[in-house]
Amino acid sequence: MHGGLNVAVIPARGGSKRIPGKNIKPFAGKPIIAWSIEAALASGLFDAVIVSTDSDDIAAVAREHGAETPFVRPAELADDYATTAVVVYHALEWLRDNRQLPDNVCCFYATAPFVTPAMLQESFSLLQRSDASSVFPVTSFPFPILRALTINEQGRVTMMWPEYELTRSNDLPDAYHDAGQFYWLNVPNFLQNGKLYADAVPFVIPRWRVQDIDTLEDWQMAEHLFANLQDSAKK
């Protein structure tokens, strides 16, 4: 199936404020977390798919769709200030103390329905080939960021980097952003540096496979994009 011991950790706290109940809110016919769980299971890469949550409701939905919930995430790691890296670190500490440390961990967000099993497989292969500490999906900005504008205190438009005002777009470097979907991490390296981005190799994906979901408008955009992708797959 795969080399080494691999575990998926899906962080899913219960206290989302901008979209109440976000991690188990219905998305395209099932709780949104189910899409992440099912993609992880279908990839065939993981010896365990674990949901790290402080919520009984999320835990019940996670188990219903095939994930494990072997521990309750501590309250201090379930507030607005707990970082993803700290949550993954906690899960690894639990595995070390109660089972076995994996060789690799994939931190897989609960609100990432655009991720496919093939994406997980390809990115894991990249992690193995590159000997990197981490691999995660990135996508390009649709416009050169060095030509970005801002609005000053007087309400006037100014360039953030005026030195590039006359530079041709073709001469500006491509820029990318984190797709906010998952992170493959080499566990020994991660336990040393505690960072998601340390010695990272990008897994470049198209913009039409990326939609951040932080607001209700984001959610609606994601549903439209997902429906279009599903329709295209049927043709």
Protein backbone atom coordinates (compact mmCIF):
# COMPACT_ATOMS: atom_id res chain seq x y z
CA MET A 1 0.00 0.00 0.00
CA HIS A 2 2.66 2.51 1.01
CA GLY A 3 6.03 2.77 2.68
CA GLY A 4 6.29 3.55 6.37
CA LEU A 5 3.54 4.41 8.83
CA ASN A 6 1.23 7.22 7.72
CA VAL A 7 -1.52 8.91 9.73
CA ALA A 8 -4.03 11.56 8.68
CA VAL A 9 -5.01 14.11 11.32
CA ILE A 10 -8.12 16.20 10.62
CA PRO A 11 -8.44 19.20 12.97
CA ALA A 12 -12.11 20.07 13.57
CA ARG A 13 -12.94 22.22 16.57
CA GLY A 14 -16.52 22.96 17.49
CA GLY A 15 -16.36 26.71 18.05
CA SER A 16 -16.51 28.23 14.57
CA LYS A 17 -17.98 31.74 14.84
CA ARG A 18 -18.33 33.03 11.27
CA ILE A 19 -20.03 29.83 10.05
CA PRO A 20 -21.66 28.12 13.07
CA GLY A 21 -21.18 24.35 13.00
CA LYS A 22 -18.95 24.76 9.93
CA ASN A 23 -17.11 21.44 10.15
CA ILE A 24 -20.28 19.33 10.01
CA LYS A 25 -22.49 21.71 8.02
CA PRO A 26 -24.05 19.92 5.01
CA PHE A 27 -22.08 20.43 1.81
CA ALA A 28 -23.19 18.79 -1.46
CA GLY A 29 -25.24 16.19 0.35
CA LYS A 30 -23.08 15.27 3.32
CA PRO A 31 -21.32 16.93 6.29
CA ILE A 32 -18.36 18.80 4.86
CA ILE A 33 -15.87 16.90 7.05
CA ALA A 34 -17.06 13.67 5.42
CA TRP A 35 -15.46 14.70 2.12
CA SER A 36 -12.04 14.95 3.79
CA ILE A 37 -12.46 11.70 5.70
CA GLU A 38 -13.60 9.77 2.64
CA ALA A 39 -10.81 11.14 0.43
CA ALA A 40 -8.23 10.13 3.04
CA LEU A 41 -9.68 6.62 3.36
CA ALA A 42 -10.02 6.16 -0.41
CA SER A 43 -6.38 7.15 -1.00
CA GLY A 44 -5.16 3.92 0.62
CA LEU A 45 -2.26 5.84 2.17
CA PHE A 46 -3.18 5.91 5.84
CA ASP A 47 -2.92 3.43 8.68
CA ALA A 48 -5.29 5.67 10.65
CA VAL A 49 -7.52 8.66 9.90
CA ILE A 50 -7.94 10.61 13.14
CA VAL A 51 -10.18 13.59 13.80
CA SER A 52 -8.89 15.93 16.51
CA THR A 53 -11.91 17.65 18.03
CA ASP A 54 -13.32 19.04 21.25
CA SER A 55 -16.91 18.48 20.08
CA ASP A 56 -19.03 15.38 20.76
CA ASP A 57 -21.20 16.21 17.74
CA ILE A 58 -18.22 16.43 15.37
CA ALA A 59 -16.75 13.25 16.84
CA ALA A 60 -19.98 11.35 16.23
CA VAL A 61 -20.18 12.49 12.59
CA ALA A 62 -16.49 11.68 12.08
CA ARG A 63 -16.94 8.12 13.35
CA GLU A 64 -20.06 7.67 11.23
CA HIS A 65 -17.98 8.37 8.13
CA GLY A 66 -15.09 6.09 9.04
CA ALA A 67 -12.64 8.20 11.04
CA GLU A 68 -11.30 7.55 14.53
CA THR A 69 -11.69 9.93 17.47
CA PRO A 70 -9.40 8.32 20.04
CA PHE A 71 -8.93 11.44 22.17
CA VAL A 72 -10.69 14.70 23.03
CA ARG A 73 -8.75 17.79 22.05
CA PRO A 74 -7.98 19.91 25.16
CA ALA A 75 -9.93 23.17 25.47
CA GLU A 76 -6.74 25.24 25.34
CA LEU A 77 -6.07 23.84 21.87
CA ALA A 78 -9.59 24.53 20.59
CA ASP A 79 -9.78 28.33 20.77
CA ASP A 80 -9.22 30.97 18.08
CA TYR A 81 -5.50 31.18 18.87
CA ALA A 82 -4.49 27.52 18.65
CA THR A 83 -2.35 27.03 15.55
CA THR A 84 -2.62 24.09 13.19
CA ALA A 85 0.96 23.09 14.00
CA VAL A 86 0.22 22.90 17.73
CA VAL A 87 -2.87 20.76 17.13
CA VAL A 88 -0.88 18.33 14.96
CA TYR A 89 1.90 18.26 17.54
CA HIS A 90 -0.64 17.30 20.22
CA ALA A 91 -1.99 14.45 18.07
CA LEU A 92 1.54 13.14 17.51
CA GLU A 93 2.26 13.27 21.24
CA TRP A 94 -0.86 11.20 21.85
CA LEU A 95 0.19 8.67 19.22
CA ARG A 96 3.70 8.46 20.71
CA ASP A 97 2.30 7.83 24.20
CA ASN A 98 -0.55 5.50 23.26
CA ARG A 99 0.29 3.78 19.97
CA GLN A 100 3.26 4.48 17.72
CA LEU A 101 4.70 7.58 16.10
CA PRO A 102 4.06 7.57 12.35
CA ASP A 103 6.78 8.26 9.82
CA ASN A 104 4.58 10.81 8.08
CA VAL A 105 1.48 12.72 9.05
CA CYS A 106 -0.98 14.47 6.76
CA CYS A 107 -2.80 17.36 8.40
CA PHE A 108 -6.00 17.46 6.36
CA TYR A 109 -8.49 20.28 6.92
CA ALA A 110 -12.14 19.42 7.54
CA THR A 111 -13.28 22.04 5.02
CA ALA A 112 -11.35 20.80 1.98
CA PRO A 113 -13.93 19.07 -0.26
CA PHE A 114 -11.92 19.73 -3.44
CA VAL A 115 -9.14 17.33 -2.43
CA THR A 116 -9.18 14.00 -4.23
CA PRO A 117 -7.50 10.70 -3.33
CA ALA A 118 -5.25 11.17 -6.38
CA MET A 119 -4.07 14.55 -5.06
CA LEU A 120 -3.09 12.93 -1.77
CA GLN A 121 -1.27 10.12 -3.57
CA GLU A 122 0.62 12.44 -5.92
CA SER A 123 1.67 14.82 -3.18
CA PHE A 124 2.82 11.98 -0.95
CA SER A 125 4.92 10.64 -3.81
CA LEU A 126 6.43 14.11 -4.12
CA LEU A 127 7.27 14.11 -0.40
CA GLN A 128 9.06 10.79 -0.79
CA ARG A 129 10.95 11.78 -3.96
CA SER A 130 12.02 15.21 -2.77
CA ASP A 131 13.28 14.26 0.70
CA ALA A 132 11.58 17.46 1.92
CA SER A 133 10.24 18.09 5.41
CA SER A 134 6.81 19.02 4.09
CA VAL A 135 4.69 19.17 0.95
CA PHE A 136 1.45 21.12 0.59
CA PRO A 137 -0.82 22.40 -2.21
CA VAL A 138 -0.29 25.90 -3.54
CA THR A 139 -1.96 27.78 -6.36
CA SER A 140 -1.04 30.89 -8.29
CA PHE A 141 -2.47 34.36 -7.75
CA PRO A 142 -4.57 35.40 -10.77
CA PHE A 143 -2.83 38.79 -10.99
CA PRO A 144 0.79 39.82 -10.34
CA ILE A 145 0.94 40.68 -6.64
CA LEU A 146 3.78 43.18 -7.17
CA ARG A 147 1.23 45.35 -9.02
CA ALA A 148 -1.11 45.32 -5.99
CA LEU A 149 -2.93 48.51 -4.99
CA THR A 150 -3.87 49.84 -1.58
CA ILE A 151 -6.05 52.73 -0.36
CA ASN A 152 -4.30 55.27 1.85
CA GLU A 153 -5.66 57.29 4.77
CA GLN A 154 -6.79 60.03 2.39
CA GLY A 155 -8.86 57.56 0.40
CA ARG A 156 -6.53 57.63 -2.58
CA VAL A 157 -5.31 54.61 -4.52
CA THR A 158 -1.57 53.98 -4.36
CA MET A 159 0.67 51.13 -5.44
CA MET A 160 1.99 48.94 -2.66
CA TRP A 161 5.23 48.54 -4.61
CA PRO A 162 5.50 51.65 -6.82
CA GLU A 163 8.89 50.54 -8.12
CA TYR A 164 7.05 48.00 -10.30
CA GLU A 165 4.58 50.48 -11.82
CA LEU A 166 6.23 50.39 -15.25
CA THR A 167 7.36 46.76 -15.17
CA ARG A 168 5.61 44.55 -17.71
CA SER A 169 3.42 41.87 -16.16
CA ASN A 170 5.32 39.24 -18.16
CA ASP A 171 8.54 40.30 -16.44
CA LEU A 172 7.16 39.91 -12.91
CA PRO A 173 7.63 36.61 -11.05
CA ASP A 174 4.72 34.27 -10.46
CA ALA A 175 3.39 34.30 -6.92
CA TYR A 176 1.59 31.53 -5.09
CA HIS A 177 -0.47 31.09 -1.95
CA ASP A 178 -1.25 28.21 0.35
CA ALA A 179 -4.37 26.43 -0.88
CA GLY A 180 -5.42 25.74 2.73
CA GLN A 181 -6.19 22.06 2.17
CA PHE A 182 -3.59 19.71 3.64
CA TYR A 183 0.06 19.40 4.70
CA TRP A 184 2.21 16.30 4.38
CA LEU A 185 4.82 16.36 7.15
CA ASN A 186 7.85 14.18 7.78
CA VAL A 187 7.27 13.47 11.46
CA PRO A 188 10.86 13.42 12.80
CA ASN A 189 11.57 16.73 11.07
CA PHE A 190 8.29 18.28 12.20
CA LEU A 191 8.87 17.31 15.82
CA GLN A 192 12.21 19.11 15.62
CA ASN A 193 11.10 22.31 13.91
CA GLY A 194 7.38 22.49 14.74
CA LYS A 195 6.63 24.23 11.45
CA LEU A 196 4.33 23.39 8.54
CA TYR A 197 6.46 25.26 6.01
CA ALA A 198 9.99 24.23 7.00
CA ASP A 199 11.97 22.90 4.01
CA ALA A 200 8.72 22.68 2.06
CA VAL A 201 8.17 21.61 -1.55
CA PRO A 202 5.05 22.94 -3.32
CA PHE A 203 2.38 20.74 -4.85
CA VAL A 204 1.01 23.11 -7.50
CA ILE A 205 -2.71 22.80 -8.26
CA PRO A 206 -5.04 24.82 -10.53
CA ARG A 207 -7.01 27.75 -9.11
CA TRP A 208 -10.30 26.04 -9.92
CA ARG A 209 -9.50 23.43 -7.27
CA VAL A 210 -9.14 26.02 -4.50
CA GLN A 211 -11.73 27.89 -2.46
CA ASP A 212 -11.04 29.11 1.05
CA ILE A 213 -14.13 28.67 3.24
CA ASP A 214 -14.19 31.23 6.04
CA THR A 215 -17.46 33.11 5.42
CA LEU A 216 -20.95 32.24 4.22
CA GLU A 217 -20.11 33.87 0.88
CA ASP A 218 -17.05 31.60 0.62
CA TRP A 219 -19.29 28.63 1.37
CA GLN A 220 -21.72 29.54 -1.41
CA MET A 221 -18.86 30.05 -3.87
CA ALA A 222 -17.44 26.65 -2.91
CA GLU A 223 -20.81 24.94 -3.46
CA HIS A 224 -21.14 26.45 -6.94
CA LEU A 225 -17.58 25.49 -7.89
CA PHE A 226 -18.00 21.98 -6.48
CA ALA A 227 -21.26 21.45 -8.37
CA ASN A 228 -19.60 22.51 -11.61
CA LEU A 229 -16.72 20.10 -11.02
CA GLN A 230 -19.16 17.28 -10.30
CA ASP A 231 -21.10 18.05 -13.49
CA SER A 232 -17.88 18.11 -15.54
CA ALA A 233 -16.81 14.75 -14.12
CA LYS A 234 -20.08 13.17 -15.32
CA LYS A 235 -19.64 14.32 -18.93
